[in-house]
ModelCIF file with pLDDT and N, C-alpha, C, O atoms, coordinates in Angstrom:
data_MODEL
#
_entry.id   MODEL 
#
_entity.id                         1 
_entity.type                       polymer 
_entity.pdbx_number_of_molecules   1 
#
_entity_poly.entity_id                      1 
_entity_poly.type                           'polypeptide(L)' 
_entity_poly.nstd_linkage                   no 
_entity_poly.nstd_monomer                   no 
_entity_poly.pdbx_seq_one_letter_code       
;(UNK)(UNK)(UNK)(UNK)(UNK)(UNK)(UNK)(UNK)(UNK)(UNK)(UNK)(UNK)(UNK)(UNK)(UNK)(UNK)
(UNK)(UNK)(UNK)(UNK)(UNK)(UNK)(UNK)(UNK)(UNK)(UNK)(UNK)(UNK)(UNK)(UNK)(UNK)(UNK)
(UNK)(UNK)(UNK)(UNK)(UNK)(UNK)(UNK)(UNK)(UNK)(UNK)(UNK)(UNK)(UNK)(UNK)(UNK)(UNK)
;
_entity_poly.pdbx_seq_one_letter_code_can   XXXXXXXXXXXXXXXXXXXXXXXXXXXXXXXXXXXXXXXXXXXXXXXX 
_entity_poly.pdbx_strand_id                 A 
#
loop_
_entity_poly_seq.entity_id 
_entity_poly_seq.num 
_entity_poly_seq.mon_id 
_entity_poly_seq.hetero 
1 1  UNK n 
1 2  UNK n 
1 3  UNK n 
1 4  UNK n 
1 5  UNK n 
1 6  UNK n 
1 7  UNK n 
1 8  UNK n 
1 9  UNK n 
1 10 UNK n 
1 11 UNK n 
1 12 UNK n 
1 13 UNK n 
1 14 UNK n 
1 15 UNK n 
1 16 UNK n 
1 17 UNK n 
1 18 UNK n 
1 19 UNK n 
1 20 UNK n 
1 21 UNK n 
1 22 UNK n 
1 23 UNK n 
1 24 UNK n 
1 25 UNK n 
1 26 UNK n 
1 27 UNK n 
1 28 UNK n 
1 29 UNK n 
1 30 UNK n 
1 31 UNK n 
1 32 UNK n 
1 33 UNK n 
1 34 UNK n 
1 35 UNK n 
1 36 UNK n 
1 37 UNK n 
1 38 UNK n 
1 39 UNK n 
1 40 UNK n 
1 41 UNK n 
1 42 UNK n 
1 43 UNK n 
1 44 UNK n 
1 45 UNK n 
1 46 UNK n 
1 47 UNK n 
1 48 UNK n 
#
_struct_asym.id          A 
_struct_asym.entity_id   1 
#
loop_
_ma_qa_metric.id 
_ma_qa_metric.mode 
_ma_qa_metric.name 
_ma_qa_metric.software_group_id 
_ma_qa_metric.type 
1 global pLDDT . pLDDT 
2 local  pLDDT . pLDDT 
#
_ma_qa_metric_global.metric_id      1 
_ma_qa_metric_global.metric_value   91.08 
_ma_qa_metric_global.model_id       1 
_ma_qa_metric_global.ordinal_id     1 
#
loop_
_ma_qa_metric_local.label_asym_id 
_ma_qa_metric_local.label_comp_id 
_ma_qa_metric_local.label_seq_id 
_ma_qa_metric_local.metric_id 
_ma_qa_metric_local.metric_value 
_ma_qa_metric_local.model_id 
_ma_qa_metric_local.ordinal_id 
A UNK 1  2 98.00 1 1  
A UNK 2  2 98.00 1 2  
A UNK 3  2 98.00 1 3  
A UNK 4  2 98.00 1 4  
A UNK 5  2 98.00 1 5  
A UNK 6  2 98.00 1 6  
A UNK 7  2 98.00 1 7  
A UNK 8  2 98.00 1 8  
A UNK 9  2 98.00 1 9  
A UNK 10 2 98.00 1 10 
A UNK 11 2 98.00 1 11 
A UNK 12 2 98.00 1 12 
A UNK 13 2 97.00 1 13 
A UNK 14 2 94.00 1 14 
A UNK 15 2 89.00 1 15 
A UNK 16 2 90.00 1 16 
A UNK 17 2 94.00 1 17 
A UNK 18 2 96.00 1 18 
A UNK 19 2 97.00 1 19 
A UNK 20 2 98.00 1 20 
A UNK 21 2 98.00 1 21 
A UNK 22 2 97.00 1 22 
A UNK 23 2 97.00 1 23 
A UNK 24 2 98.00 1 24 
A UNK 25 2 97.00 1 25 
A UNK 26 2 98.00 1 26 
A UNK 27 2 98.00 1 27 
A UNK 28 2 98.00 1 28 
A UNK 29 2 98.00 1 29 
A UNK 30 2 98.00 1 30 
A UNK 31 2 98.00 1 31 
A UNK 32 2 98.00 1 32 
A UNK 33 2 98.00 1 33 
A UNK 34 2 97.00 1 34 
A UNK 35 2 97.00 1 35 
A UNK 36 2 97.00 1 36 
A UNK 37 2 95.00 1 37 
A UNK 38 2 94.00 1 38 
A UNK 39 2 93.00 1 39 
A UNK 40 2 93.00 1 40 
A UNK 41 2 89.00 1 41 
A UNK 42 2 85.00 1 42 
A UNK 43 2 69.00 1 43 
A UNK 44 2 60.00 1 44 
A UNK 45 2 53.00 1 45 
A UNK 46 2 50.00 1 46 
A UNK 47 2 51.00 1 47 
A UNK 48 2 47.00 1 48 
#
loop_
_atom_site.group_PDB 
_atom_site.id 
_atom_site.type_symbol 
_atom_site.label_atom_id 
_atom_site.label_alt_id 
_atom_site.label_comp_id 
_atom_site.label_asym_id 
_atom_site.label_entity_id 
_atom_site.label_seq_id 
_atom_site.pdbx_PDB_ins_code 
_atom_site.Cartn_x 
_atom_site.Cartn_y 
_atom_site.Cartn_z 
_atom_site.occupancy 
_atom_site.B_iso_or_equiv 
_atom_site.pdbx_formal_charge 
_atom_site.auth_seq_id 
_atom_site.auth_comp_id 
_atom_site.auth_asym_id 
_atom_site.auth_atom_id 
_atom_site.pdbx_PDB_model_num 
ATOM 1   N N  . UNK A 1 1  ? -17.541 6.898  8.923  1.00 98.00 ? 1  UNK A N  1 
ATOM 2   C CA . UNK A 1 1  ? -16.803 5.737  9.137  1.00 98.00 ? 1  UNK A CA 1 
ATOM 3   C C  . UNK A 1 1  ? -16.548 5.236  7.793  1.00 98.00 ? 1  UNK A C  1 
ATOM 4   O O  . UNK A 1 1  ? -17.578 4.976  7.171  1.00 98.00 ? 1  UNK A O  1 
ATOM 5   N N  . UNK A 1 2  ? -15.458 5.032  7.182  1.00 98.00 ? 2  UNK A N  1 
ATOM 6   C CA . UNK A 1 2  ? -15.079 4.929  5.614  1.00 98.00 ? 2  UNK A CA 1 
ATOM 7   C C  . UNK A 1 2  ? -14.562 3.566  5.511  1.00 98.00 ? 2  UNK A C  1 
ATOM 8   O O  . UNK A 1 2  ? -14.166 3.001  6.530  1.00 98.00 ? 2  UNK A O  1 
ATOM 9   N N  . UNK A 1 3  ? -14.527 2.915  4.234  1.00 98.00 ? 3  UNK A N  1 
ATOM 10  C CA . UNK A 1 3  ? -13.793 1.511  4.539  1.00 98.00 ? 3  UNK A CA 1 
ATOM 11  C C  . UNK A 1 3  ? -12.734 2.115  3.144  1.00 98.00 ? 3  UNK A C  1 
ATOM 12  O O  . UNK A 1 3  ? -12.785 3.250  2.670  1.00 98.00 ? 3  UNK A O  1 
ATOM 13  N N  . UNK A 1 4  ? -11.779 0.946  2.684  1.00 98.00 ? 4  UNK A N  1 
ATOM 14  C CA . UNK A 1 4  ? -10.349 1.000  2.205  1.00 98.00 ? 4  UNK A CA 1 
ATOM 15  C C  . UNK A 1 4  ? -10.980 1.565  0.597  1.00 98.00 ? 4  UNK A C  1 
ATOM 16  O O  . UNK A 1 4  ? -10.390 2.279  -0.214 1.00 98.00 ? 4  UNK A O  1 
ATOM 17  N N  . UNK A 1 5  ? -11.999 1.124  0.519  1.00 98.00 ? 5  UNK A N  1 
ATOM 18  C CA . UNK A 1 5  ? -12.358 1.628  -1.209 1.00 98.00 ? 5  UNK A CA 1 
ATOM 19  C C  . UNK A 1 5  ? -13.234 2.994  -1.183 1.00 98.00 ? 5  UNK A C  1 
ATOM 20  O O  . UNK A 1 5  ? -13.880 3.349  -2.169 1.00 98.00 ? 5  UNK A O  1 
ATOM 21  N N  . UNK A 1 6  ? -13.207 3.617  -0.159 1.00 98.00 ? 6  UNK A N  1 
ATOM 22  C CA . UNK A 1 6  ? -13.880 5.171  0.158  1.00 98.00 ? 6  UNK A CA 1 
ATOM 23  C C  . UNK A 1 6  ? -15.712 5.093  0.481  1.00 98.00 ? 6  UNK A C  1 
ATOM 24  O O  . UNK A 1 6  ? -16.479 6.056  0.504  1.00 98.00 ? 6  UNK A O  1 
ATOM 25  N N  . UNK A 1 7  ? -15.987 3.922  0.659  1.00 98.00 ? 7  UNK A N  1 
ATOM 26  C CA . UNK A 1 7  ? -17.722 4.017  0.675  1.00 98.00 ? 7  UNK A CA 1 
ATOM 27  C C  . UNK A 1 7  ? -17.613 4.045  1.962  1.00 98.00 ? 7  UNK A C  1 
ATOM 28  O O  . UNK A 1 7  ? -16.901 3.486  2.795  1.00 98.00 ? 7  UNK A O  1 
ATOM 29  N N  . UNK A 1 8  ? -18.653 4.982  1.970  1.00 98.00 ? 8  UNK A N  1 
ATOM 30  C CA . UNK A 1 8  ? -19.242 5.262  3.750  1.00 98.00 ? 8  UNK A CA 1 
ATOM 31  C C  . UNK A 1 8  ? -20.201 4.385  4.311  1.00 98.00 ? 8  UNK A C  1 
ATOM 32  O O  . UNK A 1 8  ? -21.265 4.055  3.788  1.00 98.00 ? 8  UNK A O  1 
ATOM 33  N N  . UNK A 1 9  ? -19.772 4.044  5.364  1.00 98.00 ? 9  UNK A N  1 
ATOM 34  C CA . UNK A 1 9  ? -20.426 2.316  5.660  1.00 98.00 ? 9  UNK A CA 1 
ATOM 35  C C  . UNK A 1 9  ? -21.608 3.423  7.255  1.00 98.00 ? 9  UNK A C  1 
ATOM 36  O O  . UNK A 1 9  ? -22.680 2.953  7.635  1.00 98.00 ? 9  UNK A O  1 
ATOM 37  N N  . UNK A 1 10 ? -21.075 4.693  7.816  1.00 98.00 ? 10 UNK A N  1 
ATOM 38  C CA . UNK A 1 10 ? -21.798 4.860  8.770  1.00 98.00 ? 10 UNK A CA 1 
ATOM 39  C C  . UNK A 1 10 ? -21.864 6.316  8.572  1.00 98.00 ? 10 UNK A C  1 
ATOM 40  O O  . UNK A 1 10 ? -20.934 6.800  7.926  1.00 98.00 ? 10 UNK A O  1 
ATOM 41  N N  . UNK A 1 11 ? -23.049 7.339  9.126  1.00 98.00 ? 11 UNK A N  1 
ATOM 42  C CA . UNK A 1 11 ? -22.894 8.977  9.651  1.00 98.00 ? 11 UNK A CA 1 
ATOM 43  C C  . UNK A 1 11 ? -23.451 9.136  10.148 1.00 98.00 ? 11 UNK A C  1 
ATOM 44  O O  . UNK A 1 11 ? -24.607 8.723  10.064 1.00 98.00 ? 11 UNK A O  1 
ATOM 45  N N  . UNK A 1 12 ? -22.835 10.110 11.323 1.00 98.00 ? 12 UNK A N  1 
ATOM 46  C CA . UNK A 1 12 ? -24.217 10.807 11.869 1.00 98.00 ? 12 UNK A CA 1 
ATOM 47  C C  . UNK A 1 12 ? -23.957 12.424 11.743 1.00 98.00 ? 12 UNK A C  1 
ATOM 48  O O  . UNK A 1 12 ? -23.039 13.029 12.297 1.00 98.00 ? 12 UNK A O  1 
ATOM 49  N N  . UNK A 1 13 ? -24.646 12.810 11.163 1.00 97.00 ? 13 UNK A N  1 
ATOM 50  C CA . UNK A 1 13 ? -25.066 14.240 10.569 1.00 97.00 ? 13 UNK A CA 1 
ATOM 51  C C  . UNK A 1 13 ? -24.859 15.025 12.162 1.00 97.00 ? 13 UNK A C  1 
ATOM 52  O O  . UNK A 1 13 ? -23.775 14.889 12.730 1.00 97.00 ? 13 UNK A O  1 
ATOM 53  N N  . UNK A 1 14 ? -25.528 15.514 12.554 1.00 94.00 ? 14 UNK A N  1 
ATOM 54  C CA . UNK A 1 14 ? -25.492 15.984 13.830 1.00 94.00 ? 14 UNK A CA 1 
ATOM 55  C C  . UNK A 1 14 ? -26.085 15.590 15.215 1.00 94.00 ? 14 UNK A C  1 
ATOM 56  O O  . UNK A 1 14 ? -26.691 14.529 15.371 1.00 94.00 ? 14 UNK A O  1 
ATOM 57  N N  . UNK A 1 15 ? -25.911 16.364 16.068 1.00 89.00 ? 15 UNK A N  1 
ATOM 58  C CA . UNK A 1 15 ? -26.781 15.582 17.410 1.00 89.00 ? 15 UNK A CA 1 
ATOM 59  C C  . UNK A 1 15 ? -26.018 14.196 18.006 1.00 89.00 ? 15 UNK A C  1 
ATOM 60  O O  . UNK A 1 15 ? -25.150 13.491 17.492 1.00 89.00 ? 15 UNK A O  1 
ATOM 61  N N  . UNK A 1 16 ? -26.723 14.102 19.334 1.00 90.00 ? 16 UNK A N  1 
ATOM 62  C CA . UNK A 1 16 ? -25.901 13.163 20.151 1.00 90.00 ? 16 UNK A CA 1 
ATOM 63  C C  . UNK A 1 16 ? -26.183 11.643 19.530 1.00 90.00 ? 16 UNK A C  1 
ATOM 64  O O  . UNK A 1 16 ? -27.384 11.389 19.439 1.00 90.00 ? 16 UNK A O  1 
ATOM 65  N N  . UNK A 1 17 ? -25.483 10.825 19.186 1.00 94.00 ? 17 UNK A N  1 
ATOM 66  C CA . UNK A 1 17 ? -26.144 9.807  18.502 1.00 94.00 ? 17 UNK A CA 1 
ATOM 67  C C  . UNK A 1 17 ? -24.574 8.818  18.471 1.00 94.00 ? 17 UNK A C  1 
ATOM 68  O O  . UNK A 1 17 ? -23.516 9.003  19.071 1.00 94.00 ? 17 UNK A O  1 
ATOM 69  N N  . UNK A 1 18 ? -24.966 7.825  17.573 1.00 96.00 ? 18 UNK A N  1 
ATOM 70  C CA . UNK A 1 18 ? -23.681 6.956  17.616 1.00 96.00 ? 18 UNK A CA 1 
ATOM 71  C C  . UNK A 1 18 ? -23.550 6.630  16.017 1.00 96.00 ? 18 UNK A C  1 
ATOM 72  O O  . UNK A 1 18 ? -24.640 6.501  15.461 1.00 96.00 ? 18 UNK A O  1 
ATOM 73  N N  . UNK A 1 19 ? -22.401 6.478  15.192 1.00 97.00 ? 19 UNK A N  1 
ATOM 74  C CA . UNK A 1 19 ? -22.177 6.005  13.868 1.00 97.00 ? 19 UNK A CA 1 
ATOM 75  C C  . UNK A 1 19 ? -21.232 4.796  14.010 1.00 97.00 ? 19 UNK A C  1 
ATOM 76  O O  . UNK A 1 19 ? -20.058 4.785  14.379 1.00 97.00 ? 19 UNK A O  1 
ATOM 77  N N  . UNK A 1 20 ? -22.054 3.753  13.615 1.00 98.00 ? 20 UNK A N  1 
ATOM 78  C CA . UNK A 1 20 ? -21.363 2.584  14.070 1.00 98.00 ? 20 UNK A CA 1 
ATOM 79  C C  . UNK A 1 20 ? -21.245 1.450  12.825 1.00 98.00 ? 20 UNK A C  1 
ATOM 80  O O  . UNK A 1 20 ? -22.281 1.077  12.273 1.00 98.00 ? 20 UNK A O  1 
ATOM 81  N N  . UNK A 1 21 ? -19.977 0.939  12.425 1.00 98.00 ? 21 UNK A N  1 
ATOM 82  C CA . UNK A 1 21 ? -19.874 -0.398 11.637 1.00 98.00 ? 21 UNK A CA 1 
ATOM 83  C C  . UNK A 1 21 ? -19.080 -1.218 11.806 1.00 98.00 ? 21 UNK A C  1 
ATOM 84  O O  . UNK A 1 21 ? -18.116 -0.841 12.471 1.00 98.00 ? 21 UNK A O  1 
ATOM 85  N N  . UNK A 1 22 ? -19.061 -2.618 11.349 1.00 97.00 ? 22 UNK A N  1 
ATOM 86  C CA . UNK A 1 22 ? -18.159 -3.739 11.454 1.00 97.00 ? 22 UNK A CA 1 
ATOM 87  C C  . UNK A 1 22 ? -16.364 -3.449 10.833 1.00 97.00 ? 22 UNK A C  1 
ATOM 88  O O  . UNK A 1 22 ? -16.458 -3.275 9.618  1.00 97.00 ? 22 UNK A O  1 
ATOM 89  N N  . UNK A 1 23 ? -15.511 -3.395 11.084 1.00 97.00 ? 23 UNK A N  1 
ATOM 90  C CA . UNK A 1 23 ? -14.262 -3.678 9.891  1.00 97.00 ? 23 UNK A CA 1 
ATOM 91  C C  . UNK A 1 23 ? -14.401 -4.907 9.779  1.00 97.00 ? 23 UNK A C  1 
ATOM 92  O O  . UNK A 1 23 ? -14.804 -5.728 10.604 1.00 97.00 ? 23 UNK A O  1 
ATOM 93  N N  . UNK A 1 24 ? -13.988 -5.058 8.520  1.00 98.00 ? 24 UNK A N  1 
ATOM 94  C CA . UNK A 1 24 ? -13.733 -6.542 8.052  1.00 98.00 ? 24 UNK A CA 1 
ATOM 95  C C  . UNK A 1 24 ? -12.601 -6.784 7.446  1.00 98.00 ? 24 UNK A C  1 
ATOM 96  O O  . UNK A 1 24 ? -12.414 -6.436 6.281  1.00 98.00 ? 24 UNK A O  1 
ATOM 97  N N  . UNK A 1 25 ? -11.704 -7.413 8.168  1.00 97.00 ? 25 UNK A N  1 
ATOM 98  C CA . UNK A 1 25 ? -10.267 -7.706 7.681  1.00 97.00 ? 25 UNK A CA 1 
ATOM 99  C C  . UNK A 1 25 ? -10.208 -8.386 6.563  1.00 97.00 ? 25 UNK A C  1 
ATOM 100 O O  . UNK A 1 25 ? -9.089  -8.205 6.083  1.00 97.00 ? 25 UNK A O  1 
ATOM 101 N N  . UNK A 1 26 ? -11.085 -9.342 5.649  1.00 98.00 ? 26 UNK A N  1 
ATOM 102 C CA . UNK A 1 26 ? -11.150 -9.624 4.848  1.00 98.00 ? 26 UNK A CA 1 
ATOM 103 C C  . UNK A 1 26 ? -11.627 -8.854 3.842  1.00 98.00 ? 26 UNK A C  1 
ATOM 104 O O  . UNK A 1 26 ? -11.686 -9.460 2.772  1.00 98.00 ? 26 UNK A O  1 
ATOM 105 N N  . UNK A 1 27 ? -12.000 -7.694 3.816  1.00 98.00 ? 27 UNK A N  1 
ATOM 106 C CA . UNK A 1 27 ? -12.226 -6.534 2.574  1.00 98.00 ? 27 UNK A CA 1 
ATOM 107 C C  . UNK A 1 27 ? -11.344 -6.108 3.044  1.00 98.00 ? 27 UNK A C  1 
ATOM 108 O O  . UNK A 1 27 ? -10.655 -6.622 2.163  1.00 98.00 ? 27 UNK A O  1 
ATOM 109 N N  . UNK A 1 28 ? -10.381 -5.442 3.851  1.00 98.00 ? 28 UNK A N  1 
ATOM 110 C CA . UNK A 1 28 ? -9.322  -5.044 3.802  1.00 98.00 ? 28 UNK A CA 1 
ATOM 111 C C  . UNK A 1 28 ? -8.356  -5.508 3.180  1.00 98.00 ? 28 UNK A C  1 
ATOM 112 O O  . UNK A 1 28 ? -7.677  -4.760 2.477  1.00 98.00 ? 28 UNK A O  1 
ATOM 113 N N  . UNK A 1 29 ? -8.074  -6.853 3.297  1.00 98.00 ? 29 UNK A N  1 
ATOM 114 C CA . UNK A 1 29 ? -6.928  -7.996 2.760  1.00 98.00 ? 29 UNK A CA 1 
ATOM 115 C C  . UNK A 1 29 ? -7.313  -7.831 0.658  1.00 98.00 ? 29 UNK A C  1 
ATOM 116 O O  . UNK A 1 29 ? -6.559  -7.654 -0.299 1.00 98.00 ? 29 UNK A O  1 
ATOM 117 N N  . UNK A 1 30 ? -9.088  -8.038 0.795  1.00 98.00 ? 30 UNK A N  1 
ATOM 118 C CA . UNK A 1 30 ? -8.838  -7.855 -0.931 1.00 98.00 ? 30 UNK A CA 1 
ATOM 119 C C  . UNK A 1 30 ? -8.710  -6.325 -1.631 1.00 98.00 ? 30 UNK A C  1 
ATOM 120 O O  . UNK A 1 30 ? -8.553  -6.288 -2.851 1.00 98.00 ? 30 UNK A O  1 
ATOM 121 N N  . UNK A 1 31 ? -8.770  -5.154 -0.926 1.00 98.00 ? 31 UNK A N  1 
ATOM 122 C CA . UNK A 1 31 ? -8.429  -3.884 -1.537 1.00 98.00 ? 31 UNK A CA 1 
ATOM 123 C C  . UNK A 1 31 ? -7.338  -4.247 -2.015 1.00 98.00 ? 31 UNK A C  1 
ATOM 124 O O  . UNK A 1 31 ? -7.201  -4.345 -3.235 1.00 98.00 ? 31 UNK A O  1 
ATOM 125 N N  . UNK A 1 32 ? -6.080  -4.591 -0.920 1.00 98.00 ? 32 UNK A N  1 
ATOM 126 C CA . UNK A 1 32 ? -4.838  -4.457 -1.000 1.00 98.00 ? 32 UNK A CA 1 
ATOM 127 C C  . UNK A 1 32 ? -4.326  -5.264 -2.254 1.00 98.00 ? 32 UNK A C  1 
ATOM 128 O O  . UNK A 1 32 ? -3.308  -5.095 -2.926 1.00 98.00 ? 32 UNK A O  1 
ATOM 129 N N  . UNK A 1 33 ? -5.259  -6.120 -2.358 1.00 98.00 ? 33 UNK A N  1 
ATOM 130 C CA . UNK A 1 33 ? -4.983  -7.425 -3.542 1.00 98.00 ? 33 UNK A CA 1 
ATOM 131 C C  . UNK A 1 33 ? -5.217  -6.857 -4.491 1.00 98.00 ? 33 UNK A C  1 
ATOM 132 O O  . UNK A 1 33 ? -4.286  -6.471 -5.198 1.00 98.00 ? 33 UNK A O  1 
ATOM 133 N N  . UNK A 1 34 ? -6.214  -6.670 -4.752 1.00 97.00 ? 34 UNK A N  1 
ATOM 134 C CA . UNK A 1 34 ? -6.766  -6.182 -6.516 1.00 97.00 ? 34 UNK A CA 1 
ATOM 135 C C  . UNK A 1 34 ? -5.601  -4.799 -6.496 1.00 97.00 ? 34 UNK A C  1 
ATOM 136 O O  . UNK A 1 34 ? -4.820  -4.589 -7.424 1.00 97.00 ? 34 UNK A O  1 
ATOM 137 N N  . UNK A 1 35 ? -5.674  -4.089 -5.454 1.00 97.00 ? 35 UNK A N  1 
ATOM 138 C CA . UNK A 1 35 ? -5.168  -2.876 -5.911 1.00 97.00 ? 35 UNK A CA 1 
ATOM 139 C C  . UNK A 1 35 ? -3.481  -2.658 -5.176 1.00 97.00 ? 35 UNK A C  1 
ATOM 140 O O  . UNK A 1 35 ? -3.291  -1.711 -4.413 1.00 97.00 ? 35 UNK A O  1 
ATOM 141 N N  . UNK A 1 36 ? -3.030  -3.050 -5.310 1.00 97.00 ? 36 UNK A N  1 
ATOM 142 C CA . UNK A 1 36 ? -1.966  -2.961 -4.497 1.00 97.00 ? 36 UNK A CA 1 
ATOM 143 C C  . UNK A 1 36 ? -1.090  -1.630 -4.384 1.00 97.00 ? 36 UNK A C  1 
ATOM 144 O O  . UNK A 1 36 ? 0.131   -1.777 -4.431 1.00 97.00 ? 36 UNK A O  1 
ATOM 145 N N  . UNK A 1 37 ? -1.587  -0.403 -4.245 1.00 95.00 ? 37 UNK A N  1 
ATOM 146 C CA . UNK A 1 37 ? -1.180  0.856  -4.144 1.00 95.00 ? 37 UNK A CA 1 
ATOM 147 C C  . UNK A 1 37 ? -0.074  0.738  -3.032 1.00 95.00 ? 37 UNK A C  1 
ATOM 148 O O  . UNK A 1 37 ? 1.052   1.126  -3.346 1.00 95.00 ? 37 UNK A O  1 
ATOM 149 N N  . UNK A 1 38 ? -0.249  0.308  -1.927 1.00 94.00 ? 38 UNK A N  1 
ATOM 150 C CA . UNK A 1 38 ? 0.826   0.072  -0.983 1.00 94.00 ? 38 UNK A CA 1 
ATOM 151 C C  . UNK A 1 38 ? 1.963   -0.385 -1.224 1.00 94.00 ? 38 UNK A C  1 
ATOM 152 O O  . UNK A 1 38 ? 2.928   -0.037 -0.545 1.00 94.00 ? 38 UNK A O  1 
ATOM 153 N N  . UNK A 1 39 ? 2.066   -1.235 -2.216 1.00 93.00 ? 39 UNK A N  1 
ATOM 154 C CA . UNK A 1 39 ? 3.222   -1.620 -2.502 1.00 93.00 ? 39 UNK A CA 1 
ATOM 155 C C  . UNK A 1 39 ? 4.098   -1.221 -3.883 1.00 93.00 ? 39 UNK A C  1 
ATOM 156 O O  . UNK A 1 39 ? 5.126   -1.727 -4.333 1.00 93.00 ? 39 UNK A O  1 
ATOM 157 N N  . UNK A 1 40 ? 3.296   -0.140 -4.355 1.00 93.00 ? 40 UNK A N  1 
ATOM 158 C CA . UNK A 1 40 ? 4.081   0.736  -5.395 1.00 93.00 ? 40 UNK A CA 1 
ATOM 159 C C  . UNK A 1 40 ? 4.662   1.679  -5.138 1.00 93.00 ? 40 UNK A C  1 
ATOM 160 O O  . UNK A 1 40 ? 5.525   2.071  -5.924 1.00 93.00 ? 40 UNK A O  1 
ATOM 161 N N  . UNK A 1 41 ? 4.373   2.436  -3.844 1.00 89.00 ? 41 UNK A N  1 
ATOM 162 C CA . UNK A 1 41 ? 5.097   3.453  -3.312 1.00 89.00 ? 41 UNK A CA 1 
ATOM 163 C C  . UNK A 1 41 ? 6.680   3.415  -3.671 1.00 89.00 ? 41 UNK A C  1 
ATOM 164 O O  . UNK A 1 41 ? 7.360   2.409  -3.470 1.00 89.00 ? 41 UNK A O  1 
ATOM 165 N N  . UNK A 1 42 ? 7.211   4.652  -4.240 1.00 85.00 ? 42 UNK A N  1 
ATOM 166 C CA . UNK A 1 42 ? 8.304   5.300  -4.701 1.00 85.00 ? 42 UNK A CA 1 
ATOM 167 C C  . UNK A 1 42 ? 8.719   5.934  -3.691 1.00 85.00 ? 42 UNK A C  1 
ATOM 168 O O  . UNK A 1 42 ? 9.890   6.312  -3.667 1.00 85.00 ? 42 UNK A O  1 
ATOM 169 N N  . UNK A 1 43 ? 8.049   6.133  -2.871 1.00 69.00 ? 43 UNK A N  1 
ATOM 170 C CA . UNK A 1 43 ? 8.892   7.519  -2.051 1.00 69.00 ? 43 UNK A CA 1 
ATOM 171 C C  . UNK A 1 43 ? 10.557  7.828  -2.011 1.00 69.00 ? 43 UNK A C  1 
ATOM 172 O O  . UNK A 1 43 ? 11.197  8.809  -2.391 1.00 69.00 ? 43 UNK A O  1 
ATOM 173 N N  . UNK A 1 44 ? 11.018  6.417  -1.313 1.00 60.00 ? 44 UNK A N  1 
ATOM 174 C CA . UNK A 1 44 ? 12.127  6.160  -1.535 1.00 60.00 ? 44 UNK A CA 1 
ATOM 175 C C  . UNK A 1 44 ? 13.310  6.932  -2.683 1.00 60.00 ? 44 UNK A C  1 
ATOM 176 O O  . UNK A 1 44 ? 14.457  7.224  -2.343 1.00 60.00 ? 44 UNK A O  1 
ATOM 177 N N  . UNK A 1 45 ? 12.808  7.143  -3.908 1.00 53.00 ? 45 UNK A N  1 
ATOM 178 C CA . UNK A 1 45 ? 13.310  7.722  -5.085 1.00 53.00 ? 45 UNK A CA 1 
ATOM 179 C C  . UNK A 1 45 ? 13.601  9.001  -5.024 1.00 53.00 ? 45 UNK A C  1 
ATOM 180 O O  . UNK A 1 45 ? 14.386  9.568  -5.783 1.00 53.00 ? 45 UNK A O  1 
ATOM 181 N N  . UNK A 1 46 ? 12.801  9.669  -3.850 1.00 50.00 ? 46 UNK A N  1 
ATOM 182 C CA . UNK A 1 46 ? 12.583  11.148 -3.901 1.00 50.00 ? 46 UNK A CA 1 
ATOM 183 C C  . UNK A 1 46 ? 13.446  11.307 -2.270 1.00 50.00 ? 46 UNK A C  1 
ATOM 184 O O  . UNK A 1 46 ? 13.252  12.451 -1.860 1.00 50.00 ? 46 UNK A O  1 
ATOM 185 N N  . UNK A 1 47 ? 14.092  10.695 -1.531 1.00 51.00 ? 47 UNK A N  1 
ATOM 186 C CA . UNK A 1 47 ? 14.861  10.930 -0.306 1.00 51.00 ? 47 UNK A CA 1 
ATOM 187 C C  . UNK A 1 47 ? 15.857  11.457 -1.112 1.00 51.00 ? 47 UNK A C  1 
ATOM 188 O O  . UNK A 1 47 ? 16.022  11.399 -2.330 1.00 51.00 ? 47 UNK A O  1 
ATOM 189 N N  . UNK A 1 48 ? 16.872  12.292 0.303  1.00 47.00 ? 48 UNK A N  1 
ATOM 190 C CA . UNK A 1 48 ? 17.555  12.474 0.218  1.00 47.00 ? 48 UNK A CA 1 
ATOM 191 C C  . UNK A 1 48 ? 18.766  11.867 0.823  1.00 47.00 ? 48 UNK A C  1 
ATOM 192 O O  . UNK A 1 48 ? 19.881  12.318 0.559  1.00 47.00 ? 48 UNK A O  1 
#
């Protein structure tokens, strides 16, 4: 389980078990506010 900044929150290498983490909407909003890359997309410039 990886967060929006690319940090690994949980990992289960092999075998039966669980990788578990909480999804934090505040963390999501903070990343998008500090680095608004989703708002900077310009794919429309390349559309036909």
